[in-house]
Protein backbone atom coordinates (compact mmCIF):
# COMPACT_ATOMS: atom_id res chain seq x y z
CA MET A 1 0.48 0.83 19.50
CA LYS A 2 -0.58 -0.71 16.71
CA PRO A 3 -0.10 1.74 13.16
CA LEU A 4 -2.16 1.69 10.51
CA ILE A 5 -1.47 -1.23 8.29
CA GLN A 6 -1.16 -0.39 4.99
CA LYS A 7 -1.84 -2.84 2.06
CA LEU A 8 -0.22 -2.09 -1.64
CA PRO A 9 -1.22 -2.47 -4.73
CA LEU A 10 0.81 -4.22 -7.39
CA ASP A 11 -0.01 -4.25 -11.43
CA ARG A 12 0.56 -7.67 -13.12
CA GLN A 13 3.30 -6.04 -14.95
CA SER A 14 5.62 -5.31 -12.21
CA SER A 15 6.58 -7.50 -9.14
CA PHE A 16 6.97 -4.36 -6.72
CA VAL A 17 5.46 -1.01 -6.56
CA ALA A 18 7.57 1.89 -7.86
CA ARG A 19 6.15 5.58 -7.97
CA THR A 20 6.48 8.91 -6.95
CA TYR A 21 3.63 9.95 -4.40
CA THR A 22 2.82 13.72 -4.11
CA THR A 23 0.74 15.56 -1.41
CA PRO A 24 -1.69 14.47 -0.07
CA GLU A 25 -1.05 10.83 -0.37
CA PHE A 26 2.75 11.25 0.05
CA GLU A 27 1.96 11.67 3.67
CA THR A 28 0.30 8.97 5.55
CA PRO A 29 -0.18 8.91 9.83
CA TRP A 30 1.97 6.29 11.36
CA HIS A 31 1.74 3.09 9.71
CA GLN A 32 2.70 -0.44 8.91
CA HIS A 33 3.05 -2.55 6.13
CA VAL A 34 4.60 -6.03 5.36
CA GLU A 35 6.65 -4.72 1.95
CA TYR A 36 9.86 -3.70 2.28
CA GLU A 37 10.53 0.25 1.83
CA LEU A 38 13.49 1.97 -0.36
CA VAL A 39 12.25 5.91 -0.03
CA LEU A 40 13.80 9.00 -1.43
CA GLU A 41 12.37 12.35 -0.02
CA ALA A 42 12.03 13.85 -3.42
CA THR A 43 11.16 17.46 -1.92
CA GLY A 44 10.44 18.69 1.07
CA SER A 45 11.11 18.16 4.75
CA GLY A 46 10.24 17.51 8.33
CA THR A 47 10.42 15.06 11.21
CA ALA A 48 10.86 11.32 10.75
CA PHE A 49 9.28 8.66 13.30
CA VAL A 50 11.16 5.22 11.75
CA GLY A 51 10.03 2.90 15.21
CA ASP A 52 11.10 4.31 18.14
CA HIS A 53 13.41 7.19 16.11
CA ILE A 54 12.38 10.46 16.35
CA GLY A 55 14.78 12.81 14.00
CA THR A 56 14.42 15.20 10.92
CA TYR A 57 14.31 14.32 7.67
CA ARG A 58 15.04 16.92 4.40
CA GLU A 59 15.29 16.87 0.82
CA GLY A 60 17.19 14.04 -1.16
CA ASP A 61 17.01 11.27 2.37
CA VAL A 62 17.03 8.00 1.61
CA PHE A 63 15.95 5.54 4.10
CA LEU A 64 15.56 1.58 3.56
CA LEU A 65 12.50 0.57 6.16
CA GLY A 66 11.91 -3.52 6.89
CA LYS A 67 8.85 -5.05 6.60
CA ASN A 68 6.27 -4.22 9.54
CA LEU A 69 8.67 -1.42 10.74
CA PRO A 70 6.40 1.67 11.87
CA HIS A 71 6.78 5.18 10.11
CA TRP A 72 5.42 8.64 9.53
CA PHE A 73 7.33 11.01 7.50
CA ARG A 74 5.54 14.05 9.13
CA LYS A 75 5.92 17.13 6.82
CA LYS A 76 7.43 20.43 8.09
CA ASP A 77 4.59 22.50 6.85
CA GLN A 78 1.05 20.66 6.53
CA ASP A 79 0.35 23.50 3.71
CA THR A 80 3.32 22.99 1.11
CA VAL A 81 3.75 20.05 -1.42
CA ALA A 82 5.87 17.27 -0.51
CA SER A 83 7.04 14.18 -2.40
CA ALA A 84 8.73 10.88 -2.20
CA VAL A 85 9.96 8.05 -4.54
CA VAL A 86 9.17 5.18 -3.21
CA LEU A 87 9.95 1.55 -3.86
CA GLN A 88 7.93 -1.73 -2.15
CA PHE A 89 8.51 -5.44 -2.57
CA ARG A 90 7.71 -7.95 -0.66
CA ASP A 91 9.99 -11.49 0.61
CA ASP A 92 7.88 -13.26 -1.80
CA SER A 93 8.18 -10.64 -4.72
CA PHE A 94 10.83 -12.13 -7.32
CA GLY A 95 10.28 -16.27 -5.74
CA ASP A 96 10.37 -18.12 -2.73
CA SER A 97 13.74 -18.78 -3.09
CA PHE A 98 15.43 -15.72 -4.69
CA TRP A 99 17.10 -14.18 -1.32
CA ALA A 100 18.60 -17.60 -0.77
CA LEU A 101 20.86 -17.85 -3.95
CA PRO A 102 24.30 -17.10 -3.21
CA GLU A 103 24.65 -13.58 -5.51
CA MET A 104 21.95 -12.75 -3.33
CA GLN A 105 23.59 -13.08 0.44
CA PRO A 106 24.84 -9.29 0.64
CA ILE A 107 21.28 -8.03 -0.11
CA HIS A 108 19.38 -10.76 2.22
CA SER A 109 21.77 -10.14 5.22
CA LEU A 110 20.70 -5.68 4.60
CA LEU A 111 16.99 -7.03 4.34
CA GLN A 112 17.47 -8.73 7.63
CA ASN A 113 18.82 -5.64 9.16
CA ALA A 114 15.88 -3.54 7.65
CA LYS A 115 14.30 -4.00 10.58
CA GLN A 116 16.30 -1.36 12.28
CA GLY A 117 15.58 1.32 10.15
CA ILE A 118 18.49 2.64 7.74
CA ALA A 119 19.42 5.91 6.64
CA LEU A 120 22.07 6.42 3.87
CA ASP A 121 24.71 8.66 4.92
CA THR A 122 26.31 11.41 2.37
CA GLY A 123 27.33 10.19 -0.93
CA LEU A 124 25.63 6.81 -1.04
CA ARG A 125 22.59 8.86 -0.62
CA GLU A 126 23.47 10.88 -3.84
CA GLU A 127 24.08 8.41 -5.73
CA VAL A 128 20.80 6.22 -4.46
CA GLY A 129 18.92 8.80 -4.92
CA ARG A 130 19.57 9.64 -8.47
CA ARG A 131 18.93 6.22 -9.49
CA LEU A 132 15.51 6.06 -7.46
CA ARG A 133 14.63 9.46 -9.21
CA THR A 134 14.31 7.43 -12.47
CA ILE A 135 12.91 4.12 -11.81
CA GLU A 136 9.85 4.57 -11.91
CA PHE A 137 9.97 5.61 -15.73
CA LEU A 138 11.35 2.18 -16.33
CA THR A 139 9.67 -1.07 -17.04
CA GLY A 140 10.43 -4.57 -17.04
CA PHE A 141 13.86 -5.84 -16.03
CA PRO A 142 15.78 -2.69 -16.13
CA GLN A 143 13.61 -1.34 -13.46
CA LEU A 144 14.12 -4.64 -11.72
CA ALA A 145 17.60 -4.33 -12.36
CA ALA A 146 17.84 -0.89 -10.89
CA LEU A 147 16.07 -2.47 -7.50
CA LEU A 148 18.61 -4.48 -7.37
CA GLU A 149 21.46 -2.36 -8.14
CA CYS A 150 20.61 -0.10 -5.19
CA LEU A 151 19.63 -2.65 -2.44
CA HIS A 152 23.47 -4.14 -3.74
CA GLN A 153 25.04 -0.65 -3.26
CA ILE A 154 23.98 -0.17 -0.41
CA SER A 155 24.46 -3.67 1.03
CA THR A 156 27.87 -3.66 0.20
CA SER A 157 28.97 0.02 1.20
CA GLY A 158 28.59 0.49 4.82
CA HIS A 159 27.81 4.44 4.50
CA PHE A 160 24.41 3.83 6.41
CA HIS A 161 23.44 3.96 10.32
CA TYR A 162 20.59 2.50 11.72
CA LEU A 163 17.27 3.98 13.45
CA ASN A 164 15.14 1.96 15.49
CA HIS A 165 16.31 0.54 18.40
CA SER A 166 13.20 -1.76 19.80
CA PRO A 167 11.23 -4.71 19.00
CA ILE A 168 8.84 -4.38 16.04
CA VAL A 169 5.09 -4.80 18.43
CA SER A 170 1.89 -4.73 17.15
CA TYR A 171 -1.51 -3.15 19.04
CA SER A 172 -4.61 -2.61 19.50
CA VAL A 173 -6.59 -0.49 16.55
CA GLU A 174 -7.84 1.49 20.21
CA ASP A 175 -3.88 2.01 20.99
CA GLN A 176 -2.85 2.96 17.61
CA ASN A 177 -5.55 5.52 17.76
CA ARG A 178 -4.70 6.89 21.17
CA ILE A 179 -0.77 7.39 20.29
CA ARG A 180 -1.40 8.79 16.96
CA ARG A 181 -4.00 11.70 18.83
CA VAL A 182 -0.47 12.13 21.28
CA PHE A 183 2.05 12.11 18.36
CA GLU A 184 -0.13 14.52 16.53
CA TYR A 185 -0.80 16.85 19.65
CA SER A 186 2.06 17.40 20.34
CA MET A 187 3.65 18.13 16.85
CA GLN A 188 1.10 21.10 17.03
CA HIS A 189 2.19 22.33 20.59
CA PHE A 190 5.86 21.41 21.02
CA GLN A 191 7.04 24.84 21.17
CA GLN A 192 4.59 25.56 23.94
CA LYS A 193 4.68 24.43 27.69
CA ILE A 194 2.74 21.15 27.37
CA ARG A 195 1.48 19.69 30.47
CA VAL A 196 1.05 15.91 31.00
CA GLN A 197 -1.82 15.74 31.92
CA ASP A 198 -3.51 17.56 29.43
CA VAL A 199 -1.72 14.90 27.16
CA ALA A 200 -2.94 12.23 29.29
CA ALA A 201 -6.71 13.47 28.67
CA LEU A 202 -6.26 12.74 24.96
CA THR A 203 -6.04 9.04 25.57
CA HIS A 204 -8.60 9.25 28.39
CA GLN A 205 -6.34 7.97 31.49
CA SER A 206 -4.87 9.59 34.67
CA VAL A 207 -1.51 10.83 34.18
CA SER A 208 0.38 7.63 36.26
CA ALA A 209 -1.45 5.51 33.53
CA PHE A 210 -1.08 7.17 30.71
CA CYS A 211 2.96 7.92 31.48
CA HIS A 212 2.99 3.64 31.97
CA TYR A 213 0.98 3.43 28.91
CA PHE A 214 3.20 5.92 26.49
CA LYS A 215 6.75 4.07 27.92
CA LYS A 216 5.18 0.48 27.53
CA SER A 217 4.09 1.22 23.92
CA THR A 218 7.19 3.29 22.49
CA LYS A 219 10.04 2.11 24.83
CA LYS A 220 10.60 6.00 26.09
CA SER A 221 8.94 8.46 28.29
CA TYR A 222 6.45 10.97 26.82
CA ILE A 223 9.02 14.04 28.42
CA GLN A 224 11.93 12.30 26.98
CA PHE A 225 9.54 11.97 23.45
CA LEU A 226 8.68 15.28 23.31
CA THR A 227 12.25 16.57 24.66
CA GLU A 228 13.52 14.57 21.01
CA ILE A 229 10.70 16.04 18.91
CA ARG A 230 11.83 19.70 20.43
CA ILE A 231 15.86 19.00 19.69
CA ALA A 232 15.23 17.48 16.12
CA HIS A 233 13.65 20.91 15.16
CA ALA A 234 16.83 22.76 17.11
CA CYS A 235 18.89 21.11 15.13
CA LYS A 236 16.61 22.25 11.47
CA LEU A 237 16.85 25.85 12.84
CA LEU A 238 20.17 25.77 13.08
CA ILE A 239 21.35 24.54 9.50
CA THR A 240 17.98 26.10 7.77
CA THR A 241 18.35 29.80 9.40
CA ASP A 242 20.66 32.21 10.56
CA ARG A 243 18.92 32.95 14.18
CA THR A 244 21.01 32.93 17.41
CA VAL A 245 21.17 29.82 19.59
CA THR A 246 19.71 31.53 21.96
CA GLU A 247 16.64 32.52 19.62
CA ILE A 248 16.22 28.35 18.72
CA CYS A 249 16.04 27.60 22.10
CA TYR A 250 13.49 29.26 22.97
CA GLU A 251 11.58 28.90 19.51
CA SER A 252 12.03 24.92 20.12
CA GLY A 253 9.70 24.65 23.37
CA PHE A 254 12.54 24.83 26.07
CA TYR A 255 12.87 27.84 28.03
CA ASN A 256 16.07 27.06 30.38
CA TRP A 257 19.18 27.65 28.35
CA SER A 258 20.94 25.17 30.83
CA ASN A 259 18.32 22.33 30.39
CA PHE A 260 18.50 22.72 26.56
CA SER A 261 22.24 22.83 26.06
CA SER A 262 22.35 19.69 28.43
CA HIS A 263 19.89 17.66 26.37
CA PHE A 264 20.89 18.47 23.06
CA LYS A 265 24.92 17.39 24.04
CA SER A 266 23.16 14.25 25.65
CA LEU A 267 21.22 13.66 21.95
CA VAL A 268 23.62 14.88 19.51
CA GLY A 269 26.64 14.45 20.82
CA MET A 270 27.96 17.68 20.37
CA SER A 271 27.07 21.74 21.69
CA PRO A 272 24.44 23.46 19.21
CA LEU A 273 27.11 26.10 18.16
CA ARG A 274 29.50 22.88 17.22
CA TYR A 275 26.75 21.13 15.38
CA ARG A 276 26.02 24.48 13.42
CA GLU A 277 29.70 25.26 12.34
CA GLN A 278 30.21 21.83 11.18
CA GLY A 279 26.80 21.96 8.82
CA SER A 280 25.58 18.85 10.52
CA ALA A 281 23.27 16.52 9.17
CA PRO A 282 19.86 16.81 9.95
CA TYR A 283 19.58 15.76 13.40
CA THR A 284 18.86 11.42 13.02
CA ARG A 285 19.82 9.95 16.75
CA GLY A 286 16.76 7.71 18.50
CA GLY A 287 16.16 4.77 20.53
């Protein structure tokens, strides 16, 4: 798919963008841009689409996204207010040779790996998050130093995990619009039975043509994509509600306990009950 290409503004007083985006500016549908992006989910929660990854995010989560990596942080409730602190910078923001300096090599390696999409783990997430909450109120060198300190801390800690496992590919505008319709329809109806022929109709294709097209575009089958959305929702309910596991099974769009349990263990690596008992972080597995 070819996501929306987003061109980000820079003013003459800063070499990078640091600002808080609040609903409706907070949420941009599936898009990409040439800038690297360091983002703190300041308020709200929802579903994270990063490359081929589908998972959940919640308040306090921090992500580092490589240039041109498609992403969409879709908030849980479309009627609620959500916000994110977003830092965006380019390869040449600080000069063509800046990242080649010996002192910058750990950060340079980190940015090269950011094409996979990086989610910070507990501890590091809180430390970097605290700095990001204040960085937009800084100016000049203190602001630049704060950004570099965040990147240095991430690059030397190793307390993060990767999200995306597929090459970054762009497709036509027509493909972009098709996939966006499929994504939105799936997010609105995943708790119900979804017929593949109905989804295929959104793209004006036959079922076989749609299945081939979707797999080529997203590197996963539509059924796999839908299952990952449902499991991500189940993980969210397990952590944030006291509903029974059986209730969550059905509320997540599954109509068979055995099927739900099998998919959950395959994607998350443990049973739903164990996931709840451990108080696990939001589901972040993808690929």
